[in-house]
Each structure stands twice: as C-alpha cells, then as structure tokens.
Amino acid sequence: MEYSLTRPVGVDCLTDKKNTMNKHKLVENMKVSTSAVKLREAIDKAIEDGFITREEYDRIITLASEDGEIDAQEQVLLKEFHQMINDKDIKFRKV
C-alpha cells in the first residue's frame, strides 16, 4: 500500500521544535512508500525528546534497509536525520 501526502515529502516530514529541517523538498503530492512512512514514524518517535539512544539509531538504520532498498524518500529522511545529529539538534543519550 502506498500513501500520498499533500505536502512536500522529505524535510517537511520531519520537523523538530525549532523547525530546523527546511533544507530539502521533493515534489508535492509525490507517492510515498510504505517503508518511508514507517521510517518517518520511527524517526519522529525516537527524536521526540531531542535525544536518541544508540539502540534507537541502530533500529532506524535497520528499518531503512530492511526491504533491501533505500528509496529516494528514505534517503532524504536519513540525510535530514543525520544532519540533525550533526547540527546537534538531536543528541545521543548515554545509557
């Protein structure tokens, strides 16, 4: 099953409280793969509090590659996710 969003896919799918993810956009009304939706949900859940554990990070990477292909939407989500980590918008929590 595929989902269709009425807003741009990618950075606009992931936003933090500072709304710092406005660097990339894909075509509006683009069909979104089920795996991209699952990845987005996993990332959103993991970054709710501004921190991420190593286990959450590993789970996100595994989820992205679970179907054997990282599609364009997943690539954008992962790129923005990593950018948020690099920019320290999300910090690793020591367990």
PDB file of N, CA and C in Angstrom:
ATOM      1  N   MET A   1       0.843  -1.176   0.000  1.00  0.00           N
ATOM      2  CA  MET A   1       0.000   0.000   0.000  1.00  0.00           C
ATOM      3  C   MET A   1       0.889   1.239   0.000  1.00  0.00           C
ATOM      4  N   GLU A   2       0.488   2.254  -0.752  1.00  0.00           N
ATOM      5  CA  GLU A   2       1.237   3.499  -0.772  1.00  0.00           C
ATOM      6  C   GLU A   2       0.371   4.621  -0.235  1.00  0.00           C
ATOM      7  N   TYR A   3       1.015   5.618   0.321  1.00  0.00           N
ATOM      8  CA  TYR A   3       0.325   6.776   0.854  1.00  0.00           C
ATOM      9  C   TYR A   3       0.645   7.985  -0.007  1.00  0.00           C
ATOM     10  N   SER A   4      -0.242   8.907  -0.098  1.00  0.00           N
ATOM     11  CA  SER A   4       0.002  10.140  -0.831  1.00  0.00           C
ATOM     12  C   SER A   4      -0.140  11.305   0.125  1.00  0.00           C
ATOM     13  N   LEU A   5       0.911  12.081   0.250  1.00  0.00           N
ATOM     14  CA  LEU A   5       0.866  13.248   1.110  1.00  0.00           C
ATOM     15  C   LEU A   5       0.536  14.472   0.270  1.00  0.00           C
ATOM     16  N   THR A   6      -0.160  15.414   0.839  1.00  0.00           N
ATOM     17  CA  THR A   6      -0.485  16.633   0.107  1.00  0.00           C
ATOM     18  C   THR A   6       0.516  17.737   0.388  1.00  0.00           C
ATOM     19  N   ARG A   7       1.565  17.417   1.087  1.00  0.00           N
ATOM     20  CA  ARG A   7       2.632  18.382   1.342  1.00  0.00           C
ATOM     21  C   ARG A   7       3.936  17.785   0.846  1.00  0.00           C
ATOM     22  N   PRO A   8       4.955  18.572   0.684  1.00  0.00           N
ATOM     23  CA  PRO A   8       6.230  18.038   0.205  1.00  0.00           C
ATOM     24  C   PRO A   8       6.746  16.946   1.136  1.00  0.00           C
ATOM     25  N   VAL A   9       7.420  15.996   0.562  1.00  0.00           N
ATOM     26  CA  VAL A   9       7.988  14.882   1.298  1.00  0.00           C
ATOM     27  C   VAL A   9       9.435  15.207   1.610  1.00  0.00           C
ATOM     28  N   GLY A  10       9.938  14.695   2.680  1.00  0.00           N
ATOM     29  CA  GLY A  10      11.344  14.887   2.997  1.00  0.00           C
ATOM     30  C   GLY A  10      11.475  15.660   4.277  1.00  0.00           C
ATOM     31  N   VAL A  11      12.145  16.767   4.217  1.00  0.00           N
ATOM     32  CA  VAL A  11      12.400  17.558   5.407  1.00  0.00           C
ATOM     33  C   VAL A  11      11.103  17.963   6.076  1.00  0.00           C
ATOM     34  N   ASP A  12      10.110  18.340   5.299  1.00  0.00           N
ATOM     35  CA  ASP A  12       8.852  18.752   5.897  1.00  0.00           C
ATOM     36  C   ASP A  12       8.162  17.605   6.612  1.00  0.00           C
ATOM     37  N   CYS A  13       8.568  16.378   6.332  1.00  0.00           N
ATOM     38  CA  CYS A  13       8.005  15.229   7.042  1.00  0.00           C
ATOM     39  C   CYS A  13       8.563  15.149   8.455  1.00  0.00           C
ATOM     40  N   LEU A  14       9.766  15.637   8.625  1.00  0.00           N
ATOM     41  CA  LEU A  14      10.402  15.619   9.933  1.00  0.00           C
ATOM     42  C   LEU A  14      10.606  17.051  10.362  1.00  0.00           C
ATOM     43  N   THR A  15      10.033  17.423  11.461  1.00  0.00           N
ATOM     44  CA  THR A  15      10.289  18.760  11.972  1.00  0.00           C
ATOM     45  C   THR A  15      10.535  18.649  13.458  1.00  0.00           C
ATOM     46  N   ASP A  16      11.461  19.419  13.929  1.00  0.00           N
ATOM     47  CA  ASP A  16      11.688  19.452  15.360  1.00  0.00           C
ATOM     48  C   ASP A  16      11.070  20.736  15.901  1.00  0.00           C
ATOM     49  N   LYS A  17      11.186  20.964  17.173  1.00  0.00           N
ATOM     50  CA  LYS A  17      10.559  22.130  17.788  1.00  0.00           C
ATOM     51  C   LYS A  17      11.113  23.431  17.226  1.00  0.00           C
ATOM     52  N   LYS A  18      12.362  23.404  16.755  1.00  0.00           N
ATOM     53  CA  LYS A  18      12.971  24.601  16.193  1.00  0.00           C
ATOM     54  C   LYS A  18      12.674  24.737  14.701  1.00  0.00           C
ATOM     55  N   ASN A  19      11.994  23.728  14.126  1.00  0.00           N
ATOM     56  CA  ASN A  19      11.675  23.713  12.700  1.00  0.00           C
ATOM     57  C   ASN A  19      12.943  23.910  11.867  1.00  0.00           C
ATOM     58  N   THR A  20      13.989  23.174  12.197  1.00  0.00           N
ATOM     59  CA  THR A  20      15.276  23.356  11.543  1.00  0.00           C
ATOM     60  C   THR A  20      15.446  22.517  10.287  1.00  0.00           C
ATOM     61  N   MET A  21      14.439  21.762   9.903  1.00  0.00           N
ATOM     62  CA  MET A  21      14.602  20.862   8.784  1.00  0.00           C
ATOM     63  C   MET A  21      13.918  21.391   7.527  1.00  0.00           C
ATOM     64  N   ASN A  22      14.319  22.534   7.042  1.00  0.00           N
ATOM     65  CA  ASN A  22      13.705  23.122   5.866  1.00  0.00           C
ATOM     66  C   ASN A  22      14.703  23.263   4.729  1.00  0.00           C
ATOM     67  N   LYS A  23      15.585  22.305   4.578  1.00  0.00           N
ATOM     68  CA  LYS A  23      16.638  22.424   3.586  1.00  0.00           C
ATOM     69  C   LYS A  23      16.326  21.715   2.271  1.00  0.00           C
ATOM     70  N   HIS A  24      15.547  20.664   2.308  1.00  0.00           N
ATOM     71  CA  HIS A  24      15.264  19.877   1.106  1.00  0.00           C
ATOM     72  C   HIS A  24      13.767  19.685   0.932  1.00  0.00           C
ATOM     73  N   LYS A  25      13.342  19.654  -0.314  1.00  0.00           N
ATOM     74  CA  LYS A  25      11.937  19.352  -0.605  1.00  0.00           C
ATOM     75  C   LYS A  25      11.891  18.478  -1.848  1.00  0.00           C
ATOM     76  N   LEU A  26      10.945  17.579  -1.875  1.00  0.00           N
ATOM     77  CA  LEU A  26      10.693  16.791  -3.065  1.00  0.00           C
ATOM     78  C   LEU A  26       9.397  17.273  -3.680  1.00  0.00           C
ATOM     79  N   VAL A  27       9.003  16.674  -4.761  1.00  0.00           N
ATOM     80  CA  VAL A  27       7.822  17.093  -5.489  1.00  0.00           C
ATOM     81  C   VAL A  27       6.576  16.951  -4.614  1.00  0.00           C
ATOM     82  N   GLU A  28       5.731  17.981  -4.641  1.00  0.00           N
ATOM     83  CA  GLU A  28       4.494  17.938  -3.874  1.00  0.00           C
ATOM     84  C   GLU A  28       3.580  16.856  -4.440  1.00  0.00           C
ATOM     85  N   ASN A  29       2.793  16.244  -3.580  1.00  0.00           N
ATOM     86  CA  ASN A  29       1.863  15.163  -3.930  1.00  0.00           C
ATOM     87  C   ASN A  29       2.567  13.906  -4.441  1.00  0.00           C
ATOM     88  N   MET A  30       3.802  13.724  -4.105  1.00  0.00           N
ATOM     89  CA  MET A  30       4.563  12.548  -4.516  1.00  0.00           C
ATOM     90  C   MET A  30       4.063  11.336  -3.738  1.00  0.00           C
ATOM     91  N   LYS A  31       3.969  10.207  -4.396  1.00  0.00           N
ATOM     92  CA  LYS A  31       3.590   8.967  -3.711  1.00  0.00           C
ATOM     93  C   LYS A  31       4.696   8.591  -2.731  1.00  0.00           C
ATOM     94  N   VAL A  32       4.302   8.228  -1.552  1.00  0.00           N
ATOM     95  CA  VAL A  32       5.262   7.886  -0.508  1.00  0.00           C
ATOM     96  C   VAL A  32       5.173   6.395  -0.244  1.00  0.00           C
ATOM     97  N   SER A  33       6.316   5.742  -0.220  1.00  0.00           N
ATOM     98  CA  SER A  33       6.339   4.304   0.016  1.00  0.00           C
ATOM     99  C   SER A  33       5.970   3.993   1.464  1.00  0.00           C
ATOM    100  N   THR A  34       5.436   2.817   1.657  1.00  0.00           N
ATOM    101  CA  THR A  34       5.086   2.361   2.996  1.00  0.00           C
ATOM    102  C   THR A  34       6.326   2.339   3.888  1.00  0.00           C
ATOM    103  N   SER A  35       7.451   1.918   3.333  1.00  0.00           N
ATOM    104  CA  SER A  35       8.677   1.856   4.133  1.00  0.00           C
ATOM    105  C   SER A  35       9.135   3.250   4.555  1.00  0.00           C
ATOM    106  N   ALA A  36       8.922   4.254   3.712  1.00  0.00           N
ATOM    107  CA  ALA A  36       9.287   5.626   4.077  1.00  0.00           C
ATOM    108  C   ALA A  36       8.387   6.141   5.199  1.00  0.00           C
ATOM    109  N   VAL A  37       7.118   5.776   5.160  1.00  0.00           N
ATOM    110  CA  VAL A  37       6.193   6.183   6.220  1.00  0.00           C
ATOM    111  C   VAL A  37       6.614   5.547   7.547  1.00  0.00           C
ATOM    112  N   LYS A  38       6.960   4.268   7.509  1.00  0.00           N
ATOM    113  CA  LYS A  38       7.405   3.574   8.726  1.00  0.00           C
ATOM    114  C   LYS A  38       8.693   4.200   9.264  1.00  0.00           C
ATOM    115  N   LEU A  39       9.599   4.531   8.346  1.00  0.00           N
ATOM    116  CA  LEU A  39      10.862   5.150   8.751  1.00  0.00           C
ATOM    117  C   LEU A  39      10.600   6.508   9.381  1.00  0.00           C
ATOM    118  N   ARG A  40       9.753   7.293   8.768  1.00  0.00           N
ATOM    119  CA  ARG A  40       9.406   8.608   9.308  1.00  0.00           C
ATOM    120  C   ARG A  40       8.834   8.480  10.713  1.00  0.00           C
ATOM    121  N   GLU A  41       7.915   7.544  10.906  1.00  0.00           N
ATOM    122  CA  GLU A  41       7.302   7.343  12.225  1.00  0.00           C
ATOM    123  C   GLU A  41       8.351   6.946  13.260  1.00  0.00           C
ATOM    124  N   ALA A  42       9.278   6.067  12.869  1.00  0.00           N
ATOM    125  CA  ALA A  42      10.322   5.621  13.795  1.00  0.00           C
ATOM    126  C   ALA A  42      11.239   6.781  14.177  1.00  0.00           C
ATOM    127  N   ILE A  43      11.591   7.607  13.206  1.00  0.00           N
ATOM    128  CA  ILE A  43      12.454   8.755  13.488  1.00  0.00           C
ATOM    129  C   ILE A  43      11.723   9.754  14.371  1.00  0.00           C
ATOM    130  N   ASP A  44      10.480  10.065  14.021  1.00  0.00           N
ATOM    131  CA  ASP A  44       9.692  11.005  14.827  1.00  0.00           C
ATOM    132  C   ASP A  44       9.616  10.557  16.284  1.00  0.00           C
ATOM    133  N   LYS A  45       9.350   9.272  16.484  1.00  0.00           N
ATOM    134  CA  LYS A  45       9.238   8.739  17.845  1.00  0.00           C
ATOM    135  C   LYS A  45      10.577   8.826  18.581  1.00  0.00           C
ATOM    136  N   ALA A  46      11.652   8.495  17.869  1.00  0.00           N
ATOM    137  CA  ALA A  46      12.971   8.470  18.504  1.00  0.00           C
ATOM    138  C   ALA A  46      13.452   9.869  18.894  1.00  0.00           C
ATOM    139  N   ILE A  47      13.062  10.897  18.152  1.00  0.00           N
ATOM    140  CA  ILE A  47      13.599  12.233  18.412  1.00  0.00           C
ATOM    141  C   ILE A  47      12.643  13.140  19.190  1.00  0.00           C
ATOM    142  N   GLU A  48      11.538  12.596  19.654  1.00  0.00           N
ATOM    143  CA  GLU A  48      10.545  13.399  20.388  1.00  0.00           C
ATOM    144  C   GLU A  48      11.154  14.268  21.473  1.00  0.00           C
ATOM    145  N   ASP A  49      12.074  13.715  22.224  1.00  0.00           N
ATOM    146  CA  ASP A  49      12.638  14.434  23.366  1.00  0.00           C
ATOM    147  C   ASP A  49      13.956  15.133  23.059  1.00  0.00           C
ATOM    148  N   GLY A  50      14.397  15.089  21.798  1.00  0.00           N
ATOM    149  CA  GLY A  50      15.649  15.758  21.426  1.00  0.00           C
ATOM    150  C   GLY A  50      16.884  14.912  21.674  1.00  0.00           C
ATOM    151  N   PHE A  51      16.667  13.688  22.133  1.00  0.00           N
ATOM    152  CA  PHE A  51      17.770  12.765  22.392  1.00  0.00           C
ATOM    153  C   PHE A  51      17.493  11.459  21.666  1.00  0.00           C
ATOM    154  N   ILE A  52      18.562  10.733  21.383  1.00  0.00           N
ATOM    155  CA  ILE A  52      18.428   9.422  20.754  1.00  0.00           C
ATOM    156  C   ILE A  52      19.451   8.483  21.382  1.00  0.00           C
ATOM    157  N   THR A  53      19.056   7.253  21.580  1.00  0.00           N
ATOM    158  CA  THR A  53      19.981   6.255  22.113  1.00  0.00           C
ATOM    159  C   THR A  53      20.617   5.507  20.944  1.00  0.00           C
ATOM    160  N   ARG A  54      21.691   4.817  21.216  1.00  0.00           N
ATOM    161  CA  ARG A  54      22.359   4.014  20.187  1.00  0.00           C
ATOM    162  C   ARG A  54      21.400   2.952  19.660  1.00  0.00           C
ATOM    163  N   GLU A  55      20.597   2.371  20.548  1.00  0.00           N
ATOM    164  CA  GLU A  55      19.645   1.343  20.127  1.00  0.00           C
ATOM    165  C   GLU A  55      18.602   1.920  19.167  1.00  0.00           C
ATOM    166  N   GLU A  56      18.086   3.112  19.464  1.00  0.00           N
ATOM    167  CA  GLU A  56      17.121   3.755  18.563  1.00  0.00           C
ATOM    168  C   GLU A  56      17.753   4.053  17.212  1.00  0.00           C
ATOM    169  N   TYR A  57      18.986   4.536  17.242  1.00  0.00           N
ATOM    170  CA  TYR A  57      19.701   4.827  15.999  1.00  0.00           C
ATOM    171  C   TYR A  57      19.870   3.563  15.159  1.00  0.00           C
ATOM    172  N   ASP A  58      20.325   2.494  15.790  1.00  0.00           N
ATOM    173  CA  ASP A  58      20.515   1.225  15.077  1.00  0.00           C
ATOM    174  C   ASP A  58      19.200   0.696  14.517  1.00  0.00           C
ATOM    175  N   ARG A  59      18.122   0.835  15.271  1.00  0.00           N
ATOM    176  CA  ARG A  59      16.803   0.384  14.824  1.00  0.00           C
ATOM    177  C   ARG A  59      16.352   1.169  13.583  1.00  0.00           C
ATOM    178  N   ILE A  60      16.617   2.468  13.555  1.00  0.00           N
ATOM    179  CA  ILE A  60      16.251   3.307  12.405  1.00  0.00           C
ATOM    180  C   ILE A  60      17.040   2.890  11.168  1.00  0.00           C
ATOM    181  N   ILE A  61      18.319   2.670  11.316  1.00  0.00           N
ATOM    182  CA  ILE A  61      19.160   2.259  10.181  1.00  0.00           C
ATOM    183  C   ILE A  61      18.727   0.884   9.677  1.00  0.00           C
ATOM    184  N   THR A  62      18.433  -0.028  10.578  1.00  0.00           N
ATOM    185  CA  THR A  62      17.961  -1.364  10.193  1.00  0.00           C
ATOM    186  C   THR A  62      16.628  -1.274   9.464  1.00  0.00           C
ATOM    187  N   LEU A  63      15.729  -0.462   9.967  1.00  0.00           N
ATOM    188  CA  LEU A  63      14.421  -0.290   9.339  1.00  0.00           C
ATOM    189  C   LEU A  63      14.560   0.268   7.919  1.00  0.00           C
ATOM    190  N   ALA A  64      15.468   1.196   7.727  1.00  0.00           N
ATOM    191  CA  ALA A  64      15.661   1.806   6.408  1.00  0.00           C
ATOM    192  C   ALA A  64      16.121   0.784   5.374  1.00  0.00           C
ATOM    193  N   SER A  65      16.930  -0.163   5.798  1.00  0.00           N
ATOM    194  CA  SER A  65      17.482  -1.129   4.850  1.00  0.00           C
ATOM    195  C   SER A  65      16.787  -2.486   4.888  1.00  0.00           C
ATOM    196  N   GLU A  66      15.724  -2.592   5.647  1.00  0.00           N
ATOM    197  CA  GLU A  66      15.067  -3.869   5.866  1.00  0.00           C
ATOM    198  C   GLU A  66      14.486  -4.483   4.589  1.00  0.00           C
ATOM    199  N   ASP A  67      14.016  -3.677   3.659  1.00  0.00           N
ATOM    200  CA  ASP A  67      13.435  -4.221   2.419  1.00  0.00           C
ATOM    201  C   ASP A  67      14.482  -4.390   1.318  1.00  0.00           C
ATOM    202  N   GLY A  68      15.741  -4.157   1.652  1.00  0.00           N
ATOM    203  CA  GLY A  68      16.814  -4.354   0.689  1.00  0.00           C
ATOM    204  C   GLY A  68      17.036  -3.178  -0.250  1.00  0.00           C
ATOM    205  N   GLU A  69      16.270  -2.107  -0.069  1.00  0.00           N
ATOM    206  CA  GLU A  69      16.403  -0.930  -0.923  1.00  0.00           C
ATOM    207  C   GLU A  69      16.117   0.318  -0.098  1.00  0.00           C
ATOM    208  N   ILE A  70      16.937   1.317  -0.260  1.00  0.00           N
ATOM    209  CA  ILE A  70      16.681   2.607   0.373  1.00  0.00           C
ATOM    210  C   ILE A  70      16.233   3.540  -0.745  1.00  0.00           C
ATOM    211  N   ASP A  71      14.906   3.786  -0.796  1.00  0.00           N
ATOM    212  CA  ASP A  71      14.368   4.602  -1.888  1.00  0.00           C
ATOM    213  C   ASP A  71      14.673   6.085  -1.667  1.00  0.00           C
ATOM    214  N   ALA A  72      14.303   6.910  -2.631  1.00  0.00           N
ATOM    215  CA  ALA A  72      14.635   8.336  -2.590  1.00  0.00           C
ATOM    216  C   ALA A  72      14.071   9.026  -1.354  1.00  0.00           C
ATOM    217  N   GLN A  73      12.854   8.678  -0.974  1.00  0.00           N
ATOM    218  CA  GLN A  73      12.244   9.302   0.199  1.00  0.00           C
ATOM    219  C   GLN A  73      12.978   8.908   1.474  1.00  0.00           C
ATOM    220  N   GLU A  74      13.341   7.648   1.562  1.00  0.00           N
ATOM    221  CA  GLU A  74      14.091   7.186   2.734  1.00  0.00           C
ATOM    222  C   GLU A  74      15.459   7.857   2.783  1.00  0.00           C
ATOM    223  N   GLN A  75      16.082   8.043   1.631  1.00  0.00           N
ATOM    224  CA  GLN A  75      17.373   8.726   1.583  1.00  0.00           C
ATOM    225  C   GLN A  75      17.273  10.147   2.126  1.00  0.00           C
ATOM    226  N   VAL A  76      16.210  10.845   1.734  1.00  0.00           N
ATOM    227  CA  VAL A  76      16.016  12.215   2.225  1.00  0.00           C
ATOM    228  C   VAL A  76      15.795  12.212   3.737  1.00  0.00           C
ATOM    229  N   LEU A  77      14.965  11.296   4.208  1.00  0.00           N
ATOM    230  CA  LEU A  77      14.708  11.214   5.648  1.00  0.00           C
ATOM    231  C   LEU A  77      15.993  10.925   6.425  1.00  0.00           C
ATOM    232  N   LEU A  78      16.774   9.972   5.936  1.00  0.00           N
ATOM    233  CA  LEU A  78      18.035   9.631   6.611  1.00  0.00           C
ATOM    234  C   LEU A  78      19.033  10.783   6.560  1.00  0.00           C
ATOM    235  N   LYS A  79      19.089  11.451   5.434  1.00  0.00           N
ATOM    236  CA  LYS A  79      20.006  12.589   5.303  1.00  0.00           C
ATOM    237  C   LYS A  79      19.657  13.673   6.312  1.00  0.00           C
ATOM    238  N   GLU A  80      18.389  13.994   6.422  1.00  0.00           N
ATOM    239  CA  GLU A  80      17.955  15.020   7.363  1.00  0.00           C
ATOM    240  C   GLU A  80      18.135  14.571   8.805  1.00  0.00           C
ATOM    241  N   PHE A  81      17.885  13.305   9.056  1.00  0.00           N
ATOM    242  CA  PHE A  81      18.095  12.738  10.380  1.00  0.00           C
ATOM    243  C   PHE A  81      19.558  12.888  10.788  1.00  0.00           C
ATOM    244  N   HIS A  82      20.462  12.518   9.891  1.00  0.00           N
ATOM    245  CA  HIS A  82      21.894  12.650  10.175  1.00  0.00           C
ATOM    246  C   HIS A  82      22.311  14.114  10.297  1.00  0.00           C
ATOM    247  N   GLN A  83      21.697  14.983   9.520  1.00  0.00           N
ATOM    248  CA  GLN A  83      22.018  16.406   9.612  1.00  0.00           C
ATOM    249  C   GLN A  83      21.607  16.961  10.974  1.00  0.00           C
ATOM    250  N   MET A  84      20.463  16.507  11.477  1.00  0.00           N
ATOM    251  CA  MET A  84      20.021  16.950  12.799  1.00  0.00           C
ATOM    252  C   MET A  84      20.998  16.487  13.878  1.00  0.00           C
ATOM    253  N   ILE A  85      21.550  15.297  13.715  1.00  0.00           N
ATOM    254  CA  ILE A  85      22.546  14.789  14.659  1.00  0.00           C
ATOM    255  C   ILE A  85      23.828  15.617  14.542  1.00  0.00           C
ATOM    256  N   ASN A  86      24.276  15.852  13.312  1.00  0.00           N
ATOM    257  CA  ASN A  86      25.499  16.637  13.102  1.00  0.00           C
ATOM    258  C   ASN A  86      25.368  18.066  13.618  1.00  0.00           C
ATOM    259  N   ASP A  87      24.177  18.653  13.452  1.00  0.00           N
ATOM    260  CA  ASP A  87      23.928  20.017  13.924  1.00  0.00           C
ATOM    261  C   ASP A  87      23.644  20.073  15.422  1.00  0.00           C
ATOM    262  N   LYS A  88      23.612  18.901  16.052  1.00  0.00           N
ATOM    263  CA  LYS A  88      23.336  18.756  17.482  1.00  0.00           C
ATOM    264  C   LYS A  88      21.923  19.201  17.867  1.00  0.00           C
ATOM    265  N   ASP A  89      21.002  19.151  16.904  1.00  0.00           N
ATOM    266  CA  ASP A  89      19.585  19.348  17.221  1.00  0.00           C
ATOM    267  C   ASP A  89      19.056  18.134  17.947  1.00  0.00           C
ATOM    268  N   ILE A  90      19.676  16.980  17.672  1.00  0.00           N
ATOM    269  CA  ILE A  90      19.406  15.731  18.372  1.00  0.00           C
ATOM    270  C   ILE A  90      20.726  15.300  18.981  1.00  0.00           C
ATOM    271  N   LYS A  91      20.704  14.901  20.227  1.00  0.00           N
ATOM    272  CA  LYS A  91      21.931  14.487  20.899  1.00  0.00           C
ATOM    273  C   LYS A  91      21.814  13.015  21.299  1.00  0.00           C
ATOM    274  N   PHE A  92      22.947  12.330  21.256  1.00  0.00           N
ATOM    275  CA  PHE A  92      22.965  10.938  21.710  1.00  0.00           C
ATOM    276  C   PHE A  92      22.898  10.913  23.228  1.00  0.00           C
ATOM    277  N   ARG A  93      22.023  10.079  23.720  1.00  0.00           N
ATOM    278  CA  ARG A  93      21.885   9.898  25.173  1.00  0.00           C
ATOM    279  C   ARG A  93      22.755   8.737  25.594  1.00  0.00           C
ATOM    280  N   LYS A  94      23.563   8.969  26.586  1.00  0.00           N
ATOM    281  CA  LYS A  94      24.391   7.884  27.117  1.00  0.00           C
ATOM    282  C   LYS A  94      23.524   7.015  28.002  1.00  0.00           C
ATOM    283  N   VAL A  95      23.629   5.726  27.785  1.00  0.00           N
ATOM    284  CA  VAL A  95      22.786   4.780  28.527  1.00  0.00           C
ATOM    285  C   VAL A  95      23.449   4.347  29.792  1.00  0.00           C
TER     286      VAL A  95
END
